[in-house]
Amino acid sequence: MGERIGQLWSSISSDLKELVLHFTLLLFATALLSWLANRRLKPKERGPLVSVPLFLSSFAMLMLARHFGHDRWGAVIIAAGLAIAGFITVKSGTRLPVLVALMLALLLGFGLNLSALVLFAAAFITLFISRPAAK
């Protein structure tokens, strides 16, 4: 009986550590990409460093992707992520990289860490060398 409790506790603690790590990585990536998107704008036009609806929806997508790791469900989760990204972008009118944040969350949730790193690097370079849209 004690061995089973020990195994259960070790699996819960390892899952919790992985979840906290994903939470931290996603928070850092969202904050950095939002800062890059806002850095050349006037102070009046800047948005928040971390958008709460964006971060919560992307973290929810990460947890959903971790739970459903099957091939068929992956396509459904990605489609739902794109719909959520479009909804957040239209409703908030923000210039934050909503699509990149949700795709990062999905890639991390599916365990595709190298793909998430490449997507983050490409978004970082693109936002770093881009200029704000002229009005």
N, C-alpha and C. Protein backbone atom coordinates (compact mmCIF):
# COMPACT_ATOMS: atom_id res chain seq x y z
N MET A 1 0.82 -1.19 0.00
CA MET A 1 0.00 0.00 0.00
C MET A 1 0.86 1.26 0.00
N GLY A 2 1.92 1.23 0.77
CA GLY A 2 2.80 2.39 0.85
C GLY A 2 3.54 2.63 -0.45
N GLU A 3 3.84 1.53 -1.17
CA GLU A 3 4.52 1.68 -2.46
C GLU A 3 3.61 2.35 -3.48
N ARG A 4 2.34 1.98 -3.46
CA ARG A 4 1.39 2.60 -4.41
C ARG A 4 1.23 4.09 -4.14
N ILE A 5 1.17 4.46 -2.88
CA ILE A 5 1.05 5.88 -2.53
C ILE A 5 2.32 6.61 -2.97
N GLY A 6 3.47 5.99 -2.79
CA GLY A 6 4.73 6.59 -3.23
C GLY A 6 4.79 6.77 -4.74
N GLN A 7 4.31 5.77 -5.47
CA GLN A 7 4.27 5.89 -6.94
C GLN A 7 3.30 6.97 -7.38
N LEU A 8 2.14 7.03 -6.73
CA LEU A 8 1.15 8.05 -7.07
C LEU A 8 1.70 9.45 -6.78
N TRP A 9 2.35 9.61 -5.63
CA TRP A 9 2.91 10.91 -5.27
C TRP A 9 4.02 11.32 -6.24
N SER A 10 4.86 10.38 -6.64
CA SER A 10 5.95 10.73 -7.57
C SER A 10 5.41 11.10 -8.94
N SER A 11 4.35 10.42 -9.40
CA SER A 11 3.77 10.77 -10.70
C SER A 11 3.08 12.13 -10.64
N ILE A 12 2.41 12.43 -9.53
CA ILE A 12 1.75 13.74 -9.39
C ILE A 12 2.79 14.84 -9.32
N SER A 13 3.86 14.62 -8.56
CA SER A 13 4.87 15.67 -8.44
C SER A 13 5.62 15.89 -9.75
N SER A 14 5.86 14.83 -10.53
CA SER A 14 6.54 15.03 -11.82
C SER A 14 5.62 15.74 -12.81
N ASP A 15 4.33 15.40 -12.80
CA ASP A 15 3.38 16.10 -13.67
C ASP A 15 3.24 17.56 -13.26
N LEU A 16 3.25 17.83 -11.97
CA LEU A 16 3.14 19.20 -11.49
C LEU A 16 4.37 20.01 -11.85
N LYS A 17 5.54 19.39 -11.74
CA LYS A 17 6.78 20.09 -12.13
C LYS A 17 6.76 20.42 -13.62
N GLU A 18 6.32 19.50 -14.44
CA GLU A 18 6.25 19.74 -15.88
C GLU A 18 5.23 20.83 -16.20
N LEU A 19 4.11 20.84 -15.50
CA LEU A 19 3.09 21.85 -15.71
C LEU A 19 3.59 23.24 -15.30
N VAL A 20 4.30 23.33 -14.19
CA VAL A 20 4.86 24.61 -13.75
C VAL A 20 5.93 25.08 -14.74
N LEU A 21 6.72 24.17 -15.26
CA LEU A 21 7.73 24.52 -16.26
C LEU A 21 7.08 25.05 -17.54
N HIS A 22 6.04 24.38 -18.02
CA HIS A 22 5.33 24.85 -19.21
C HIS A 22 4.67 26.20 -18.95
N PHE A 23 4.11 26.39 -17.77
CA PHE A 23 3.49 27.67 -17.40
C PHE A 23 4.52 28.79 -17.46
N THR A 24 5.70 28.55 -16.88
CA THR A 24 6.75 29.55 -16.86
C THR A 24 7.27 29.84 -18.26
N LEU A 25 7.50 28.81 -19.05
CA LEU A 25 7.98 29.01 -20.42
C LEU A 25 6.97 29.80 -21.25
N LEU A 26 5.72 29.46 -21.12
CA LEU A 26 4.69 30.16 -21.89
C LEU A 26 4.54 31.61 -21.43
N LEU A 27 4.62 31.85 -20.14
CA LEU A 27 4.54 33.21 -19.62
C LEU A 27 5.72 34.04 -20.11
N PHE A 28 6.91 33.49 -20.06
CA PHE A 28 8.10 34.19 -20.52
C PHE A 28 8.02 34.48 -22.03
N ALA A 29 7.62 33.49 -22.81
CA ALA A 29 7.53 33.68 -24.26
C ALA A 29 6.47 34.70 -24.62
N THR A 30 5.32 34.66 -23.95
CA THR A 30 4.25 35.62 -24.22
C THR A 30 4.68 37.03 -23.85
N ALA A 31 5.33 37.18 -22.71
CA ALA A 31 5.78 38.50 -22.27
C ALA A 31 6.84 39.06 -23.22
N LEU A 32 7.78 38.23 -23.64
CA LEU A 32 8.84 38.69 -24.53
C LEU A 32 8.30 39.06 -25.91
N LEU A 33 7.42 38.26 -26.45
CA LEU A 33 6.84 38.57 -27.75
C LEU A 33 5.94 39.80 -27.69
N SER A 34 5.21 39.97 -26.60
CA SER A 34 4.38 41.16 -26.45
C SER A 34 5.24 42.41 -26.31
N TRP A 35 6.34 42.30 -25.58
CA TRP A 35 7.24 43.45 -25.47
C TRP A 35 7.83 43.81 -26.83
N LEU A 36 8.21 42.81 -27.60
CA LEU A 36 8.75 43.08 -28.93
C LEU A 36 7.71 43.72 -29.85
N ALA A 37 6.47 43.30 -29.72
CA ALA A 37 5.41 43.87 -30.56
C ALA A 37 5.10 45.30 -30.17
N ASN A 38 5.29 45.65 -28.89
CA ASN A 38 4.96 46.99 -28.39
C ASN A 38 6.13 47.95 -28.35
N ARG A 39 7.34 47.51 -28.60
CA ARG A 39 8.50 48.35 -28.31
C ARG A 39 8.64 49.57 -29.19
N ARG A 40 8.17 49.57 -30.41
CA ARG A 40 8.32 50.72 -31.28
C ARG A 40 7.04 51.56 -31.38
N LEU A 41 6.08 51.27 -30.56
CA LEU A 41 4.83 52.03 -30.58
C LEU A 41 4.90 53.18 -29.58
N LYS A 42 4.05 54.14 -29.79
CA LYS A 42 3.95 55.25 -28.84
C LYS A 42 3.36 54.71 -27.53
N PRO A 43 3.70 55.34 -26.41
CA PRO A 43 3.17 54.84 -25.13
C PRO A 43 1.65 54.76 -25.07
N LYS A 44 0.98 55.64 -25.80
CA LYS A 44 -0.48 55.63 -25.80
C LYS A 44 -1.03 54.41 -26.55
N GLU A 45 -0.29 53.92 -27.54
CA GLU A 45 -0.76 52.81 -28.38
C GLU A 45 -0.35 51.44 -27.84
N ARG A 46 0.51 51.40 -26.86
CA ARG A 46 1.00 50.12 -26.35
C ARG A 46 -0.08 49.38 -25.58
N GLY A 47 -0.01 48.08 -25.71
CA GLY A 47 -0.93 47.23 -24.97
C GLY A 47 -0.25 46.70 -23.71
N PRO A 48 -0.92 45.82 -23.00
CA PRO A 48 -0.31 45.26 -21.79
C PRO A 48 0.83 44.32 -22.13
N LEU A 49 1.72 44.12 -21.16
CA LEU A 49 2.85 43.22 -21.39
C LEU A 49 2.36 41.79 -21.57
N VAL A 50 1.47 41.36 -20.72
CA VAL A 50 0.87 40.03 -20.85
C VAL A 50 -0.64 40.19 -20.81
N SER A 51 -1.29 39.84 -21.89
CA SER A 51 -2.75 39.89 -21.93
C SER A 51 -3.29 38.67 -21.20
N VAL A 52 -4.11 38.91 -20.20
CA VAL A 52 -4.63 37.81 -19.38
C VAL A 52 -5.50 36.85 -20.18
N PRO A 53 -6.44 37.33 -21.02
CA PRO A 53 -7.22 36.36 -21.80
C PRO A 53 -6.36 35.56 -22.77
N LEU A 54 -5.36 36.20 -23.35
CA LEU A 54 -4.46 35.49 -24.26
C LEU A 54 -3.69 34.42 -23.51
N PHE A 55 -3.12 34.77 -22.36
CA PHE A 55 -2.31 33.82 -21.62
C PHE A 55 -3.15 32.67 -21.08
N LEU A 56 -4.31 32.98 -20.54
CA LEU A 56 -5.15 31.91 -19.99
C LEU A 56 -5.67 30.96 -21.07
N SER A 57 -6.05 31.52 -22.21
CA SER A 57 -6.52 30.64 -23.29
C SER A 57 -5.38 29.81 -23.86
N SER A 58 -4.19 30.38 -23.97
CA SER A 58 -3.07 29.59 -24.50
C SER A 58 -2.64 28.52 -23.49
N PHE A 59 -2.69 28.82 -22.20
CA PHE A 59 -2.35 27.79 -21.22
C PHE A 59 -3.41 26.70 -21.17
N ALA A 60 -4.66 27.07 -21.36
CA ALA A 60 -5.73 26.06 -21.43
C ALA A 60 -5.54 25.17 -22.65
N MET A 61 -5.13 25.77 -23.78
CA MET A 61 -4.86 24.96 -24.97
C MET A 61 -3.67 24.03 -24.74
N LEU A 62 -2.67 24.50 -24.00
CA LEU A 62 -1.52 23.65 -23.68
C LEU A 62 -1.96 22.45 -22.85
N MET A 63 -2.77 22.68 -21.83
CA MET A 63 -3.22 21.57 -21.00
C MET A 63 -4.13 20.63 -21.77
N LEU A 64 -4.95 21.17 -22.65
CA LEU A 64 -5.82 20.33 -23.48
C LEU A 64 -5.00 19.48 -24.44
N ALA A 65 -3.97 20.08 -25.02
CA ALA A 65 -3.11 19.32 -25.94
C ALA A 65 -2.32 18.25 -25.20
N ARG A 66 -1.94 18.51 -23.97
CA ARG A 66 -1.24 17.49 -23.18
C ARG A 66 -2.15 16.32 -22.86
N HIS A 67 -3.43 16.62 -22.65
CA HIS A 67 -4.38 15.56 -22.29
C HIS A 67 -4.75 14.70 -23.49
N PHE A 68 -5.01 15.34 -24.63
CA PHE A 68 -5.37 14.61 -25.84
C PHE A 68 -4.17 14.58 -26.77
N GLY A 69 -3.39 13.55 -26.71
CA GLY A 69 -2.20 13.46 -27.55
C GLY A 69 -2.40 12.65 -28.80
N HIS A 70 -3.63 12.28 -29.13
CA HIS A 70 -3.89 11.44 -30.28
C HIS A 70 -3.89 12.25 -31.56
N ASP A 71 -3.72 11.55 -32.68
CA ASP A 71 -3.60 12.21 -33.97
C ASP A 71 -4.89 12.91 -34.38
N ARG A 72 -6.01 12.25 -34.21
CA ARG A 72 -7.27 12.85 -34.64
C ARG A 72 -7.65 14.05 -33.80
N TRP A 73 -7.42 13.96 -32.52
CA TRP A 73 -7.76 15.07 -31.64
C TRP A 73 -6.83 16.25 -31.84
N GLY A 74 -5.62 15.99 -32.31
CA GLY A 74 -4.68 17.08 -32.55
C GLY A 74 -5.19 18.09 -33.55
N ALA A 75 -5.79 17.60 -34.62
CA ALA A 75 -6.34 18.50 -35.63
C ALA A 75 -7.51 19.32 -35.08
N VAL A 76 -8.33 18.70 -34.25
CA VAL A 76 -9.45 19.42 -33.65
C VAL A 76 -8.94 20.49 -32.69
N ILE A 77 -7.93 20.16 -31.91
CA ILE A 77 -7.37 21.12 -30.96
C ILE A 77 -6.72 22.29 -31.70
N ILE A 78 -6.01 22.02 -32.77
CA ILE A 78 -5.37 23.09 -33.55
C ILE A 78 -6.43 23.99 -34.18
N ALA A 79 -7.48 23.41 -34.71
CA ALA A 79 -8.56 24.22 -35.30
C ALA A 79 -9.23 25.09 -34.23
N ALA A 80 -9.44 24.52 -33.05
CA ALA A 80 -10.03 25.31 -31.96
C ALA A 80 -9.08 26.43 -31.53
N GLY A 81 -7.79 26.15 -31.53
CA GLY A 81 -6.81 27.19 -31.20
C GLY A 81 -6.81 28.34 -32.18
N LEU A 82 -6.94 28.03 -33.45
CA LEU A 82 -7.01 29.08 -34.47
C LEU A 82 -8.29 29.90 -34.33
N ALA A 83 -9.39 29.23 -34.01
CA ALA A 83 -10.65 29.95 -33.81
C ALA A 83 -10.56 30.86 -32.59
N ILE A 84 -9.96 30.38 -31.53
CA ILE A 84 -9.79 31.20 -30.32
C ILE A 84 -8.87 32.38 -30.61
N ALA A 85 -7.79 32.16 -31.36
CA ALA A 85 -6.87 33.24 -31.71
C ALA A 85 -7.59 34.32 -32.52
N GLY A 86 -8.40 33.91 -33.47
CA GLY A 86 -9.17 34.88 -34.26
C GLY A 86 -10.16 35.63 -33.41
N PHE A 87 -10.82 34.95 -32.48
CA PHE A 87 -11.80 35.59 -31.61
C PHE A 87 -11.13 36.62 -30.70
N ILE A 88 -9.97 36.26 -30.11
CA ILE A 88 -9.27 37.19 -29.23
C ILE A 88 -8.77 38.40 -30.00
N THR A 89 -8.26 38.17 -31.20
CA THR A 89 -7.74 39.27 -32.00
C THR A 89 -8.84 40.23 -32.40
N VAL A 90 -9.99 39.72 -32.82
CA VAL A 90 -11.09 40.58 -33.26
C VAL A 90 -11.69 41.33 -32.08
N LYS A 91 -11.92 40.66 -30.97
CA LYS A 91 -12.57 41.30 -29.83
C LYS A 91 -11.69 42.31 -29.12
N SER A 92 -10.39 42.03 -29.02
CA SER A 92 -9.52 42.93 -28.27
C SER A 92 -8.91 44.01 -29.14
N GLY A 93 -8.82 43.79 -30.44
CA GLY A 93 -8.22 44.77 -31.33
C GLY A 93 -6.75 45.01 -31.01
N THR A 94 -6.08 44.00 -30.52
CA THR A 94 -4.70 44.13 -30.07
C THR A 94 -3.71 43.81 -31.17
N ARG A 95 -2.51 44.30 -31.00
CA ARG A 95 -1.44 43.99 -31.93
C ARG A 95 -0.53 42.89 -31.37
N LEU A 96 -0.91 42.32 -30.27
CA LEU A 96 -0.10 41.28 -29.65
C LEU A 96 -0.07 40.04 -30.54
N PRO A 97 1.00 39.28 -30.48
CA PRO A 97 1.11 38.07 -31.31
C PRO A 97 0.27 36.93 -30.76
N VAL A 98 -1.03 37.02 -30.95
CA VAL A 98 -1.97 36.05 -30.40
C VAL A 98 -1.77 34.68 -31.03
N LEU A 99 -1.67 34.66 -32.34
CA LEU A 99 -1.54 33.38 -33.04
C LEU A 99 -0.26 32.66 -32.66
N VAL A 100 0.82 33.40 -32.54
CA VAL A 100 2.10 32.78 -32.17
C VAL A 100 2.03 32.21 -30.77
N ALA A 101 1.41 32.93 -29.84
CA ALA A 101 1.31 32.44 -28.46
C ALA A 101 0.49 31.15 -28.39
N LEU A 102 -0.62 31.09 -29.11
CA LEU A 102 -1.43 29.88 -29.09
C LEU A 102 -0.74 28.71 -29.78
N MET A 103 -0.04 28.98 -30.87
CA MET A 103 0.68 27.91 -31.55
C MET A 103 1.85 27.40 -30.70
N LEU A 104 2.51 28.31 -29.97
CA LEU A 104 3.56 27.87 -29.04
C LEU A 104 2.98 26.96 -27.97
N ALA A 105 1.83 27.35 -27.43
CA ALA A 105 1.19 26.53 -26.40
C ALA A 105 0.83 25.15 -26.94
N LEU A 106 0.31 25.10 -28.15
CA LEU A 106 -0.06 23.81 -28.73
C LEU A 106 1.16 22.94 -28.99
N LEU A 107 2.22 23.54 -29.50
CA LEU A 107 3.43 22.75 -29.75
C LEU A 107 4.04 22.24 -28.46
N LEU A 108 4.05 23.08 -27.42
CA LEU A 108 4.56 22.61 -26.13
C LEU A 108 3.65 21.53 -25.55
N GLY A 109 2.36 21.68 -25.72
CA GLY A 109 1.42 20.67 -25.22
C GLY A 109 1.55 19.34 -25.91
N PHE A 110 1.85 19.36 -27.21
CA PHE A 110 2.03 18.10 -27.94
C PHE A 110 3.41 17.50 -27.73
N GLY A 111 4.29 18.21 -27.03
CA GLY A 111 5.63 17.70 -26.77
C GLY A 111 6.61 17.96 -27.89
N LEU A 112 6.29 18.86 -28.78
CA LEU A 112 7.17 19.21 -29.89
C LEU A 112 8.01 20.42 -29.50
N ASN A 113 8.95 20.21 -28.58
CA ASN A 113 9.70 21.31 -28.00
C ASN A 113 10.63 21.97 -29.00
N LEU A 114 11.25 21.21 -29.87
CA LEU A 114 12.14 21.80 -30.86
C LEU A 114 11.36 22.66 -31.86
N SER A 115 10.19 22.20 -32.25
CA SER A 115 9.34 22.98 -33.15
C SER A 115 8.88 24.27 -32.46
N ALA A 116 8.57 24.19 -31.17
CA ALA A 116 8.19 25.38 -30.43
C ALA A 116 9.35 26.37 -30.34
N LEU A 117 10.56 25.85 -30.16
CA LEU A 117 11.73 26.72 -30.12
C LEU A 117 11.97 27.40 -31.46
N VAL A 118 11.81 26.68 -32.55
CA VAL A 118 11.99 27.26 -33.88
C VAL A 118 10.91 28.30 -34.16
N LEU A 119 9.67 28.02 -33.79
CA LEU A 119 8.60 29.00 -33.97
C LEU A 119 8.86 30.25 -33.14
N PHE A 120 9.31 30.08 -31.91
CA PHE A 120 9.61 31.23 -31.07
C PHE A 120 10.76 32.05 -31.66
N ALA A 121 11.80 31.37 -32.13
CA ALA A 121 12.93 32.09 -32.73
C ALA A 121 12.52 32.85 -33.98
N ALA A 122 11.69 32.24 -34.81
CA ALA A 122 11.23 32.91 -36.03
C ALA A 122 10.36 34.12 -35.68
N ALA A 123 9.47 33.97 -34.70
CA ALA A 123 8.63 35.10 -34.29
C ALA A 123 9.47 36.20 -33.65
N PHE A 124 10.46 35.80 -32.85
CA PHE A 124 11.34 36.78 -32.21
C PHE A 124 12.10 37.59 -33.25
N ILE A 125 12.69 36.92 -34.22
CA ILE A 125 13.46 37.62 -35.26
C ILE A 125 12.54 38.50 -36.10
N THR A 126 11.37 38.00 -36.44
CA THR A 126 10.43 38.78 -37.25
C THR A 126 9.97 40.03 -36.50
N LEU A 127 9.60 39.90 -35.24
CA LEU A 127 9.17 41.06 -34.48
C LEU A 127 10.32 42.01 -34.16
N PHE A 128 11.53 41.46 -34.05
CA PHE A 128 12.68 42.29 -33.74
C PHE A 128 13.05 43.20 -34.90
N ILE A 129 12.95 42.70 -36.13
CA ILE A 129 13.36 43.51 -37.28
C ILE A 129 12.18 44.25 -37.93
N SER A 130 10.97 44.00 -37.48
CA SER A 130 9.81 44.64 -38.12
C SER A 130 9.60 46.04 -37.55
N ARG A 131 8.87 46.82 -38.32
CA ARG A 131 8.50 48.17 -37.89
C ARG A 131 7.00 48.21 -37.71
N PRO A 132 6.52 49.13 -36.89
CA PRO A 132 5.06 49.23 -36.72
C PRO A 132 4.39 49.71 -37.98
N ALA A 133 3.15 49.36 -38.13
CA ALA A 133 2.38 49.75 -39.33
C ALA A 133 2.14 51.26 -39.30
N ALA A 134 2.32 51.89 -40.44
CA ALA A 134 2.08 53.33 -40.55
C ALA A 134 0.59 53.60 -40.64
N LYS A 135 0.14 54.65 -39.97
CA LYS A 135 -1.29 54.97 -39.98
C LYS A 135 -1.55 56.16 -40.86
